[in-house]
Amino acid sequence: MASLRDAHQQFIGHLQGKSRASATILAYGKDIEQLIKHLQAAGKNDPLEIATEDLQSFMDKLAKESYTAKSISRKTNSTKTFFKFLKSQGLIQQDTAQALQHPKFENKDPRILTKLEYRALRDAARADTRMLAVIEVLLQTGVRIGELAKIRVEDVNLENQTIHVPLSEDTREREIPLNKPASEAVSKYLNIRPKSPSHALFITKTGRPLLIRNIRTAIDRYFRIAGIKEAKVNDLRHTWVAFQLQAGVSLLTVSKLAGHKRLTTTERYLQFIQGHNGEGKVKLEEL
């Protein structure tokens, strides 16, 4: 009979075989690794030995260690997916994770930066050509940080002033207009971009692709320098969506350019803005 460790490896192979996004596989892998360590510490190595109470004790332990409800909910989802896989492979007879309950948590309202705030962020990064370009692309196109990390040099068309977001499991392929501030910032960055075999648009000084955590750390630093409190990288995306809607760009256009899977996701921003005039104009607002 397969041990938990063996089952874990089979699960990762299963996800890879389904061409799941590398970030998704990594997240599932880490969550299940953490779960297995907890179960093994309790002397349980066989999937058949695991009861719902064992899984709940892991979630309770996370809560005591000050994990957020949102993080615990994600690990609950990973656990449910893992045990569903175990049952499909005949490694367990009963899916003991099925009865596992997600913790309740409230989705916070999106943090929308004011003009003063995003201009202060821009000013704080003014001397850092690469990070200024990163900030401008995030702020002026509304792309997700994960999408930004995957954008290649060839995805940027400065002549047509567009940026191409490649297709992936978590991302809708799309072309987004690149306005003057963003195209100028990217152009200046490309002039000083280190020579590298990497096709990634944003790279380190040694020529390696700039990772999501690198981008997040750098922007968090500029938030602090600019004196902007309780803001995160994804708030640049929230700000872009809100400002476009407030300027009268149609819901459908904003939803499509933001890569939202549902129009309702875009609609929920309407309650956080003032002066939406419903004109449905096509031209995007410059932030």
C-alpha atoms as a PDB file:
ATOM      1  CA  MET A   1       0.000   0.000   0.000  1.00  0.00           C
ATOM      2  CA  ALA A   2       1.306   3.476  -0.897  1.00  0.00           C
ATOM      3  CA  SER A   3       2.546   5.667   1.948  1.00  0.00           C
ATOM      4  CA  LEU A   4       1.493   9.315   2.277  1.00  0.00           C
ATOM      5  CA  ARG A   5       4.839  10.333   0.762  1.00  0.00           C
ATOM      6  CA  ASP A   6       4.342   8.050  -2.244  1.00  0.00           C
ATOM      7  CA  ALA A   7       0.794   9.319  -2.666  1.00  0.00           C
ATOM      8  CA  HIS A   8       2.069  12.896  -2.510  1.00  0.00           C
ATOM      9  CA  GLN A   9       4.476  12.256  -5.398  1.00  0.00           C
ATOM     10  CA  GLN A  10       1.738  10.575  -7.422  1.00  0.00           C
ATOM     11  CA  PHE A  11      -0.518  13.584  -6.772  1.00  0.00           C
ATOM     12  CA  ILE A  12       2.125  16.028  -8.043  1.00  0.00           C
ATOM     13  CA  GLY A  13       2.624  13.866 -11.142  1.00  0.00           C
ATOM     14  CA  HIS A  14      -1.145  13.868 -11.670  1.00  0.00           C
ATOM     15  CA  LEU A  15      -1.282  17.675 -11.540  1.00  0.00           C
ATOM     16  CA  GLN A  16       1.655  17.960 -13.951  1.00  0.00           C
ATOM     17  CA  GLY A  17      -0.052  15.550 -16.313  1.00  0.00           C
ATOM     18  CA  LYS A  18      -3.102  17.807 -16.348  1.00  0.00           C
ATOM     19  CA  SER A  19      -0.843  20.737 -17.306  1.00  0.00           C
ATOM     20  CA  ARG A  20      -1.764  22.719 -14.209  1.00  0.00           C
ATOM     21  CA  ALA A  21       0.076  26.022 -13.771  1.00  0.00           C
ATOM     22  CA  SER A  22       3.497  25.642 -12.110  1.00  0.00           C
ATOM     23  CA  ALA A  23       2.495  28.092  -9.346  1.00  0.00           C
ATOM     24  CA  THR A  24      -0.630  26.003  -8.641  1.00  0.00           C
ATOM     25  CA  ILE A  25       1.380  22.764  -8.469  1.00  0.00           C
ATOM     26  CA  LEU A  26       3.915  24.400  -6.155  1.00  0.00           C
ATOM     27  CA  ALA A  27       1.164  25.702  -3.837  1.00  0.00           C
ATOM     28  CA  TYR A  28      -0.594  22.309  -3.675  1.00  0.00           C
ATOM     29  CA  GLY A  29       2.758  20.579  -3.140  1.00  0.00           C
ATOM     30  CA  LYS A  30       3.718  22.781  -0.186  1.00  0.00           C
ATOM     31  CA  ASP A  31       0.280  22.532   1.420  1.00  0.00           C
ATOM     32  CA  ILE A  32       0.224  18.731   1.258  1.00  0.00           C
ATOM     33  CA  GLU A  33       3.851  18.507   2.406  1.00  0.00           C
ATOM     34  CA  GLN A  34       2.918  20.511   5.499  1.00  0.00           C
ATOM     35  CA  LEU A  35      -0.131  18.290   6.107  1.00  0.00           C
ATOM     36  CA  ILE A  36       1.928  15.090   5.791  1.00  0.00           C
ATOM     37  CA  LYS A  37       4.520  16.352   8.316  1.00  0.00           C
ATOM     38  CA  HIS A  38       1.701  16.964  10.799  1.00  0.00           C
ATOM     39  CA  LEU A  39       0.183  13.515  10.207  1.00  0.00           C
ATOM     40  CA  GLN A  40       3.534  11.742  10.456  1.00  0.00           C
ATOM     41  CA  ALA A  41       4.257  13.532  13.724  1.00  0.00           C
ATOM     42  CA  ALA A  42       1.022  11.923  14.964  1.00  0.00           C
ATOM     43  CA  GLY A  43       2.350   8.534  13.804  1.00  0.00           C
ATOM     44  CA  LYS A  44       0.209   8.238  10.690  1.00  0.00           C
ATOM     45  CA  ASN A  45       1.883   7.270   7.394  1.00  0.00           C
ATOM     46  CA  ASP A  46      -0.834   5.307   5.633  1.00  0.00           C
ATOM     47  CA  PRO A  47      -3.632   7.171   3.777  1.00  0.00           C
ATOM     48  CA  LEU A  48      -6.089   4.520   4.997  1.00  0.00           C
ATOM     49  CA  GLU A  49      -5.409   5.527   8.617  1.00  0.00           C
ATOM     50  CA  ILE A  50      -6.451   9.164   8.191  1.00  0.00           C
ATOM     51  CA  ALA A  51      -9.755  10.248   9.717  1.00  0.00           C
ATOM     52  CA  THR A  52     -11.548  13.572   9.311  1.00  0.00           C
ATOM     53  CA  GLU A  53     -10.538  14.414  12.901  1.00  0.00           C
ATOM     54  CA  ASP A  54      -6.842  14.119  11.937  1.00  0.00           C
ATOM     55  CA  LEU A  55      -7.310  16.619   9.138  1.00  0.00           C
ATOM     56  CA  GLN A  56      -9.308  18.963  11.357  1.00  0.00           C
ATOM     57  CA  SER A  57      -6.575  18.854  14.008  1.00  0.00           C
ATOM     58  CA  PHE A  58      -4.122  20.092  11.346  1.00  0.00           C
ATOM     59  CA  MET A  59      -6.400  23.027  10.498  1.00  0.00           C
ATOM     60  CA  ASP A  60      -6.866  23.799  14.216  1.00  0.00           C
ATOM     61  CA  LYS A  61      -3.088  23.785  14.653  1.00  0.00           C
ATOM     62  CA  LEU A  62      -2.724  26.303  11.820  1.00  0.00           C
ATOM     63  CA  ALA A  63      -5.289  28.578  13.468  1.00  0.00           C
ATOM     64  CA  LYS A  64      -3.322  28.466  16.739  1.00  0.00           C
ATOM     65  CA  GLU A  65      -0.180  29.375  14.771  1.00  0.00           C
ATOM     66  CA  SER A  66      -1.947  32.545  13.579  1.00  0.00           C
ATOM     67  CA  TYR A  67      -2.531  31.498   9.975  1.00  0.00           C
ATOM     68  CA  THR A  68      -5.286  33.629   8.437  1.00  0.00           C
ATOM     69  CA  ALA A  69      -8.688  32.112   7.726  1.00  0.00           C
ATOM     70  CA  LYS A  70      -8.033  32.676   4.030  1.00  0.00           C
ATOM     71  CA  SER A  71      -4.759  30.678   4.186  1.00  0.00           C
ATOM     72  CA  ILE A  72      -6.440  27.865   6.121  1.00  0.00           C
ATOM     73  CA  SER A  73      -9.265  27.816   3.568  1.00  0.00           C
ATOM     74  CA  ARG A  74      -6.713  27.410   0.779  1.00  0.00           C
ATOM     75  CA  LYS A  75      -5.016  24.535   2.635  1.00  0.00           C
ATOM     76  CA  THR A  76      -8.440  22.980   3.221  1.00  0.00           C
ATOM     77  CA  ASN A  77      -9.053  23.145  -0.525  1.00  0.00           C
ATOM     78  CA  SER A  78      -5.634  21.561  -1.220  1.00  0.00           C
ATOM     79  CA  THR A  79      -6.407  18.775   1.275  1.00  0.00           C
ATOM     80  CA  LYS A  80      -9.817  18.100  -0.281  1.00  0.00           C
ATOM     81  CA  THR A  81      -8.259  17.947  -3.767  1.00  0.00           C
ATOM     82  CA  PHE A  82      -5.544  15.564  -2.526  1.00  0.00           C
ATOM     83  CA  PHE A  83      -7.998  13.179  -0.866  1.00  0.00           C
ATOM     84  CA  LYS A  84     -10.327  13.266  -3.863  1.00  0.00           C
ATOM     85  CA  PHE A  85      -7.307  12.140  -5.922  1.00  0.00           C
ATOM     86  CA  LEU A  86      -6.492   9.366  -3.396  1.00  0.00           C
ATOM     87  CA  LYS A  87     -10.024   7.999  -3.707  1.00  0.00           C
ATOM     88  CA  SER A  88      -9.960   8.168  -7.514  1.00  0.00           C
ATOM     89  CA  GLN A  89      -6.764   6.099  -7.469  1.00  0.00           C
ATOM     90  CA  GLY A  90      -8.176   3.514  -5.057  1.00  0.00           C
ATOM     91  CA  LEU A  91      -5.660   4.449  -2.351  1.00  0.00           C
ATOM     92  CA  ILE A  92      -8.486   5.107   0.115  1.00  0.00           C
ATOM     93  CA  GLN A  93     -12.029   3.749   0.279  1.00  0.00           C
ATOM     94  CA  GLN A  94     -13.666   6.762   1.913  1.00  0.00           C
ATOM     95  CA  ASP A  95     -12.882  10.405   1.254  1.00  0.00           C
ATOM     96  CA  THR A  96     -12.385  11.595   4.827  1.00  0.00           C
ATOM     97  CA  ALA A  97     -11.629  15.140   3.672  1.00  0.00           C
ATOM     98  CA  GLN A  98     -15.118  15.570   2.237  1.00  0.00           C
ATOM     99  CA  ALA A  99     -16.556  16.487   5.659  1.00  0.00           C
ATOM    100  CA  LEU A 100     -13.803  19.054   6.302  1.00  0.00           C
ATOM    101  CA  GLN A 101     -15.318  22.536   6.686  1.00  0.00           C
ATOM    102  CA  HIS A 102     -13.806  25.728   5.304  1.00  0.00           C
ATOM    103  CA  PRO A 103     -13.256  28.455   7.904  1.00  0.00           C
ATOM    104  CA  LYS A 104     -15.441  31.515   7.504  1.00  0.00           C
ATOM    105  CA  PHE A 105     -13.752  34.717   6.438  1.00  0.00           C
ATOM    106  CA  GLU A 106     -14.862  37.995   4.961  1.00  0.00           C
ATOM    107  CA  ASN A 107     -13.528  39.232   1.658  1.00  0.00           C
ATOM    108  CA  LYS A 108     -12.115  42.685   2.265  1.00  0.00           C
ATOM    109  CA  ASP A 109     -13.211  45.511   0.042  1.00  0.00           C
ATOM    110  CA  PRO A 110     -10.649  46.298  -2.677  1.00  0.00           C
ATOM    111  CA  ARG A 111      -8.124  48.967  -1.667  1.00  0.00           C
ATOM    112  CA  ILE A 112      -8.278  51.702  -4.301  1.00  0.00           C
ATOM    113  CA  LEU A 113      -5.392  54.154  -4.272  1.00  0.00           C
ATOM    114  CA  THR A 114      -6.101  57.858  -4.534  1.00  0.00           C
ATOM    115  CA  LYS A 115      -4.369  59.984  -7.164  1.00  0.00           C
ATOM    116  CA  LEU A 116      -2.120  61.396  -4.457  1.00  0.00           C
ATOM    117  CA  GLU A 117      -1.135  57.887  -3.363  1.00  0.00           C
ATOM    118  CA  TYR A 118      -0.296  56.394  -6.739  1.00  0.00           C
ATOM    119  CA  ARG A 119       1.538  59.545  -7.764  1.00  0.00           C
ATOM    120  CA  ALA A 120       3.540  59.368  -4.518  1.00  0.00           C
ATOM    121  CA  LEU A 121       4.372  55.716  -5.314  1.00  0.00           C
ATOM    122  CA  ARG A 122       5.493  56.711  -8.797  1.00  0.00           C
ATOM    123  CA  ASP A 123       7.667  59.519  -7.368  1.00  0.00           C
ATOM    124  CA  ALA A 124       9.215  57.188  -4.788  1.00  0.00           C
ATOM    125  CA  ALA A 125      10.386  54.824  -7.553  1.00  0.00           C
ATOM    126  CA  ARG A 126      11.396  57.573 -10.011  1.00  0.00           C
ATOM    127  CA  ALA A 127      15.158  56.838  -9.754  1.00  0.00           C
ATOM    128  CA  ASP A 128      14.646  53.078 -10.229  1.00  0.00           C
ATOM    129  CA  THR A 129      14.064  52.712 -13.995  1.00  0.00           C
ATOM    130  CA  ARG A 130      13.125  49.034 -13.848  1.00  0.00           C
ATOM    131  CA  MET A 131      10.703  49.284 -10.913  1.00  0.00           C
ATOM    132  CA  LEU A 132       9.139  52.455 -12.274  1.00  0.00           C
ATOM    133  CA  ALA A 133       8.371  50.530 -15.481  1.00  0.00           C
ATOM    134  CA  VAL A 134       6.937  47.654 -13.403  1.00  0.00           C
ATOM    135  CA  ILE A 135       4.721  50.056 -11.438  1.00  0.00           C
ATOM    136  CA  GLU A 136       3.535  51.872 -14.578  1.00  0.00           C
ATOM    137  CA  VAL A 137       2.624  48.623 -16.350  1.00  0.00           C
ATOM    138  CA  LEU A 138       0.699  47.355 -13.305  1.00  0.00           C
ATOM    139  CA  LEU A 139      -1.036  50.688 -12.756  1.00  0.00           C
ATOM    140  CA  GLN A 140      -1.790  51.557 -16.399  1.00  0.00           C
ATOM    141  CA  THR A 141      -2.853  48.113 -17.673  1.00  0.00           C
ATOM    142  CA  GLY A 142      -4.357  46.377 -14.626  1.00  0.00           C
ATOM    143  CA  VAL A 143      -2.439  43.127 -15.237  1.00  0.00           C
ATOM    144  CA  ARG A 144      -1.992  40.737 -12.316  1.00  0.00           C
ATOM    145  CA  ILE A 145       1.467  40.437 -10.746  1.00  0.00           C
ATOM    146  CA  GLY A 146       1.645  36.792 -11.913  1.00  0.00           C
ATOM    147  CA  GLU A 147       0.850  37.876 -15.461  1.00  0.00           C
ATOM    148  CA  LEU A 148       3.470  40.623 -15.336  1.00  0.00           C
ATOM    149  CA  ALA A 149       6.161  38.112 -14.332  1.00  0.00           C
ATOM    150  CA  LYS A 150       5.356  36.024 -17.449  1.00  0.00           C
ATOM    151  CA  ILE A 151       5.355  38.867 -19.976  1.00  0.00           C
ATOM    152  CA  ARG A 152       8.190  38.550 -22.515  1.00  0.00           C
ATOM    153  CA  VAL A 153      10.083  41.235 -24.380  1.00  0.00           C
ATOM    154  CA  GLU A 154       8.332  40.185 -27.596  1.00  0.00           C
ATOM    155  CA  ASP A 155       4.939  40.679 -25.915  1.00  0.00           C
ATOM    156  CA  VAL A 156       5.538  44.444 -25.847  1.00  0.00           C
ATOM    157  CA  ASN A 157       4.784  46.353 -29.038  1.00  0.00           C
ATOM    158  CA  LEU A 158       5.888  49.953 -28.502  1.00  0.00           C
ATOM    159  CA  GLU A 159       5.047  50.888 -32.080  1.00  0.00           C
ATOM    160  CA  ASN A 160       1.397  49.867 -31.726  1.00  0.00           C
ATOM    161  CA  GLN A 161       1.465  50.676 -28.013  1.00  0.00           C
ATOM    162  CA  THR A 162       0.073  47.341 -26.859  1.00  0.00           C
ATOM    163  CA  ILE A 163       1.122  44.648 -24.421  1.00  0.00           C
ATOM    164  CA  HIS A 164       0.226  40.989 -24.965  1.00  0.00           C
ATOM    165  CA  VAL A 165      -0.714  38.879 -21.938  1.00  0.00           C
ATOM    166  CA  PRO A 166       0.128  35.240 -22.790  1.00  0.00           C
ATOM    167  CA  LEU A 167      -2.417  32.457 -22.338  1.00  0.00           C
ATOM    168  CA  SER A 168      -2.026  30.197 -19.304  1.00  0.00           C
ATOM    169  CA  GLU A 169      -4.315  28.109 -17.128  1.00  0.00           C
ATOM    170  CA  ASP A 170      -4.923  31.045 -14.784  1.00  0.00           C
ATOM    171  CA  THR A 171      -4.793  33.810 -17.392  1.00  0.00           C
ATOM    172  CA  ARG A 172      -6.871  34.842 -20.369  1.00  0.00           C
ATOM    173  CA  GLU A 173      -4.830  35.764 -23.429  1.00  0.00           C
ATOM    174  CA  ARG A 174      -5.449  39.373 -24.375  1.00  0.00           C
ATOM    175  CA  GLU A 175      -4.007  42.564 -25.847  1.00  0.00           C
ATOM    176  CA  ILE A 176      -4.044  45.616 -23.602  1.00  0.00           C
ATOM    177  CA  PRO A 177      -3.402  49.185 -24.786  1.00  0.00           C
ATOM    178  CA  LEU A 178      -0.158  50.607 -23.454  1.00  0.00           C
ATOM    179  CA  ASN A 179      -0.642  54.317 -22.818  1.00  0.00           C
ATOM    180  CA  LYS A 180       2.019  57.018 -22.966  1.00  0.00           C
ATOM    181  CA  PRO A 181       3.292  56.865 -19.347  1.00  0.00           C
ATOM    182  CA  ALA A 182       3.577  53.065 -19.480  1.00  0.00           C
ATOM    183  CA  SER A 183       5.161  52.876 -22.958  1.00  0.00           C
ATOM    184  CA  GLU A 184       7.682  55.610 -22.076  1.00  0.00           C
ATOM    185  CA  ALA A 185       8.624  53.848 -18.822  1.00  0.00           C
ATOM    186  CA  VAL A 186       9.028  50.476 -20.598  1.00  0.00           C
ATOM    187  CA  SER A 187      11.036  52.079 -23.413  1.00  0.00           C
ATOM    188  CA  LYS A 188      13.464  53.656 -20.918  1.00  0.00           C
ATOM    189  CA  TYR A 189      13.802  50.351 -19.092  1.00  0.00           C
ATOM    190  CA  LEU A 190      14.507  48.411 -22.313  1.00  0.00           C
ATOM    191  CA  ASN A 191      17.354  50.846 -23.027  1.00  0.00           C
ATOM    192  CA  ILE A 192      19.105  49.811 -19.796  1.00  0.00           C
ATOM    193  CA  ARG A 193      17.866  46.188 -19.586  1.00  0.00           C
ATOM    194  CA  PRO A 194      20.877  43.848 -19.137  1.00  0.00           C
ATOM    195  CA  LYS A 195      21.685  41.585 -22.079  1.00  0.00           C
ATOM    196  CA  SER A 196      20.312  38.159 -21.296  1.00  0.00           C
ATOM    197  CA  PRO A 197      19.192  34.957 -23.061  1.00  0.00           C
ATOM    198  CA  SER A 198      16.009  35.225 -21.001  1.00  0.00           C
ATOM    199  CA  HIS A 199      12.929  36.402 -22.892  1.00  0.00           C
ATOM    200  CA  ALA A 200      11.299  37.716 -19.695  1.00  0.00           C
ATOM    201  CA  LEU A 201      10.599  41.439 -19.957  1.00  0.00           C
ATOM    202  CA  PHE A 202      11.676  42.209 -16.414  1.00  0.00           C
ATOM    203  CA  ILE A 203      14.913  40.599 -15.275  1.00  0.00           C
ATOM    204  CA  THR A 204      17.456  40.918 -12.464  1.00  0.00           C
ATOM    205  CA  LYS A 205      20.882  42.522 -12.859  1.00  0.00           C
ATOM    206  CA  THR A 206      22.284  39.027 -13.471  1.00  0.00           C
ATOM    207  CA  GLY A 207      19.804  38.364 -16.290  1.00  0.00           C
ATOM    208  CA  ARG A 208      17.385  36.045 -14.494  1.00  0.00           C
ATOM    209  CA  PRO A 209      13.599  36.547 -14.721  1.00  0.00           C
ATOM    210  CA  LEU A 210      12.257  38.813 -11.986  1.00  0.00           C
ATOM    211  CA  LEU A 211      10.144  36.560  -9.762  1.00  0.00           C
ATOM    212  CA  ILE A 212       6.786  37.456  -8.252  1.00  0.00           C
ATOM    213  CA  ARG A 213       8.297  37.660  -4.770  1.00  0.00           C
ATOM    214  CA  ASN A 214      11.025  40.030  -6.061  1.00  0.00           C
ATOM    215  CA  ILE A 215       8.400  42.311  -7.582  1.00  0.00           C
ATOM    216  CA  ARG A 216       6.214  42.236  -4.463  1.00  0.00           C
ATOM    217  CA  THR A 217       9.138  42.963  -2.117  1.00  0.00           C
ATOM    218  CA  ALA A 218      10.364  45.890  -4.216  1.00  0.00           C
ATOM    219  CA  ILE A 219       6.928  47.500  -4.554  1.00  0.00           C
ATOM    220  CA  ASP A 220       6.179  47.001  -0.847  1.00  0.00           C
ATOM    221  CA  ARG A 221       9.405  48.906  -0.186  1.00  0.00           C
ATOM    222  CA  TYR A 222       8.276  51.802  -2.382  1.00  0.00           C
ATOM    223  CA  PHE A 223       4.873  51.814  -0.685  1.00  0.00           C
ATOM    224  CA  ARG A 224       6.714  52.334   2.618  1.00  0.00           C
ATOM    225  CA  ILE A 225       8.956  55.062   1.160  1.00  0.00           C
ATOM    226  CA  ALA A 226       5.889  56.827  -0.259  1.00  0.00           C
ATOM    227  CA  GLY A 227       4.131  56.610   3.108  1.00  0.00           C
ATOM    228  CA  ILE A 228       1.240  54.582   1.699  1.00  0.00           C
ATOM    229  CA  LYS A 229      -0.251  52.381   4.405  1.00  0.00           C
ATOM    230  CA  GLU A 230      -2.121  49.082   4.131  1.00  0.00           C
ATOM    231  CA  ALA A 231      -1.526  48.765   0.395  1.00  0.00           C
ATOM    232  CA  LYS A 232      -0.422  45.715  -1.585  1.00  0.00           C
ATOM    233  CA  VAL A 233       0.719  45.114  -5.143  1.00  0.00           C
ATOM    234  CA  ASN A 234      -2.706  43.850  -6.241  1.00  0.00           C
ATOM    235  CA  ASP A 235      -4.188  47.199  -5.191  1.00  0.00           C
ATOM    236  CA  LEU A 236      -2.635  48.697  -8.333  1.00  0.00           C
ATOM    237  CA  ARG A 237      -4.937  46.388 -10.315  1.00  0.00           C
ATOM    238  CA  HIS A 238      -7.940  47.335  -8.147  1.00  0.00           C
ATOM    239  CA  THR A 239      -7.099  50.993  -8.757  1.00  0.00           C
ATOM    240  CA  TRP A 240      -6.913  50.525 -12.531  1.00  0.00           C
ATOM    241  CA  VAL A 241     -10.301  48.775 -12.683  1.00  0.00           C
ATOM    242  CA  ALA A 242     -11.992  51.378 -10.466  1.00  0.00           C
ATOM    243  CA  PHE A 243     -10.577  54.392 -12.313  1.00  0.00           C
ATOM    244  CA  GLN A 244     -11.549  53.011 -15.734  1.00  0.00           C
ATOM    245  CA  LEU A 245     -15.130  52.416 -14.599  1.00  0.00           C
ATOM    246  CA  GLN A 246     -15.304  55.814 -12.939  1.00  0.00           C
ATOM    247  CA  ALA A 247     -14.112  57.427 -16.172  1.00  0.00           C
ATOM    248  CA  GLY A 248     -17.024  55.807 -18.016  1.00  0.00           C
ATOM    249  CA  VAL A 249     -15.270  52.914 -19.789  1.00  0.00           C
ATOM    250  CA  SER A 250     -17.880  50.175 -20.323  1.00  0.00           C
ATOM    251  CA  LEU A 251     -18.110  47.262 -17.904  1.00  0.00           C
ATOM    252  CA  LEU A 252     -17.609  44.802 -20.753  1.00  0.00           C
ATOM    253  CA  THR A 253     -14.424  46.522 -21.972  1.00  0.00           C
ATOM    254  CA  VAL A 254     -12.907  46.737 -18.473  1.00  0.00           C
ATOM    255  CA  SER A 255     -13.859  43.129 -17.706  1.00  0.00           C
ATOM    256  CA  LYS A 256     -12.294  41.886 -20.948  1.00  0.00           C
ATOM    257  CA  LEU A 257      -9.055  43.861 -20.510  1.00  0.00           C
ATOM    258  CA  ALA A 258      -8.778  42.881 -16.830  1.00  0.00           C
ATOM    259  CA  GLY A 259      -9.161  39.219 -17.779  1.00  0.00           C
ATOM    260  CA  HIS A 260     -12.069  38.717 -15.392  1.00  0.00           C
ATOM    261  CA  LYS A 261     -13.806  35.387 -15.958  1.00  0.00           C
ATOM    262  CA  ARG A 262     -17.174  36.812 -14.919  1.00  0.00           C
ATOM    263  CA  LEU A 263     -18.725  40.217 -15.530  1.00  0.00           C
ATOM    264  CA  THR A 264     -20.010  40.167 -11.931  1.00  0.00           C
ATOM    265  CA  THR A 265     -16.392  40.387 -10.719  1.00  0.00           C
ATOM    266  CA  THR A 266     -16.074  43.725 -12.529  1.00  0.00           C
ATOM    267  CA  GLU A 267     -19.525  44.894 -11.445  1.00  0.00           C
ATOM    268  CA  ARG A 268     -18.678  44.687  -7.752  1.00  0.00           C
ATOM    269  CA  TYR A 269     -16.244  47.602  -8.165  1.00  0.00           C
ATOM    270  CA  LEU A 270     -19.136  49.932  -8.992  1.00  0.00           C
ATOM    271  CA  GLN A 271     -20.101  50.205  -5.312  1.00  0.00           C
ATOM    272  CA  PHE A 272     -16.645  51.592  -4.459  1.00  0.00           C
ATOM    273  CA  ILE A 273     -16.528  54.433  -6.978  1.00  0.00           C
ATOM    274  CA  GLN A 274     -18.259  57.749  -7.450  1.00  0.00           C
ATOM    275  CA  GLY A 275     -19.487  59.396 -10.598  1.00  0.00           C
ATOM    276  CA  HIS A 276     -19.817  56.371 -12.890  1.00  0.00           C
ATOM    277  CA  ASN A 277     -21.651  57.982 -15.780  1.00  0.00           C
ATOM    278  CA  GLY A 278     -22.360  54.885 -17.843  1.00  0.00           C
ATOM    279  CA  GLU A 279     -21.165  56.515 -21.073  1.00  0.00           C
ATOM    280  CA  GLY A 280     -19.449  53.342 -22.173  1.00  0.00           C
ATOM    281  CA  LYS A 281     -16.561  55.167 -23.802  1.00  0.00           C
ATOM    282  CA  VAL A 282     -13.802  53.157 -25.441  1.00  0.00           C
ATOM    283  CA  LYS A 283     -10.724  55.273 -24.648  1.00  0.00           C
ATOM    284  CA  LEU A 284      -9.013  54.174 -21.452  1.00  0.00           C
ATOM    285  CA  GLU A 285      -8.248  56.567 -18.640  1.00  0.00           C
ATOM    286  CA  GLU A 286      -4.608  57.519 -18.069  1.00  0.00           C
ATOM    287  CA  LEU A 287      -3.610  57.312 -14.413  1.00  0.00           C
END
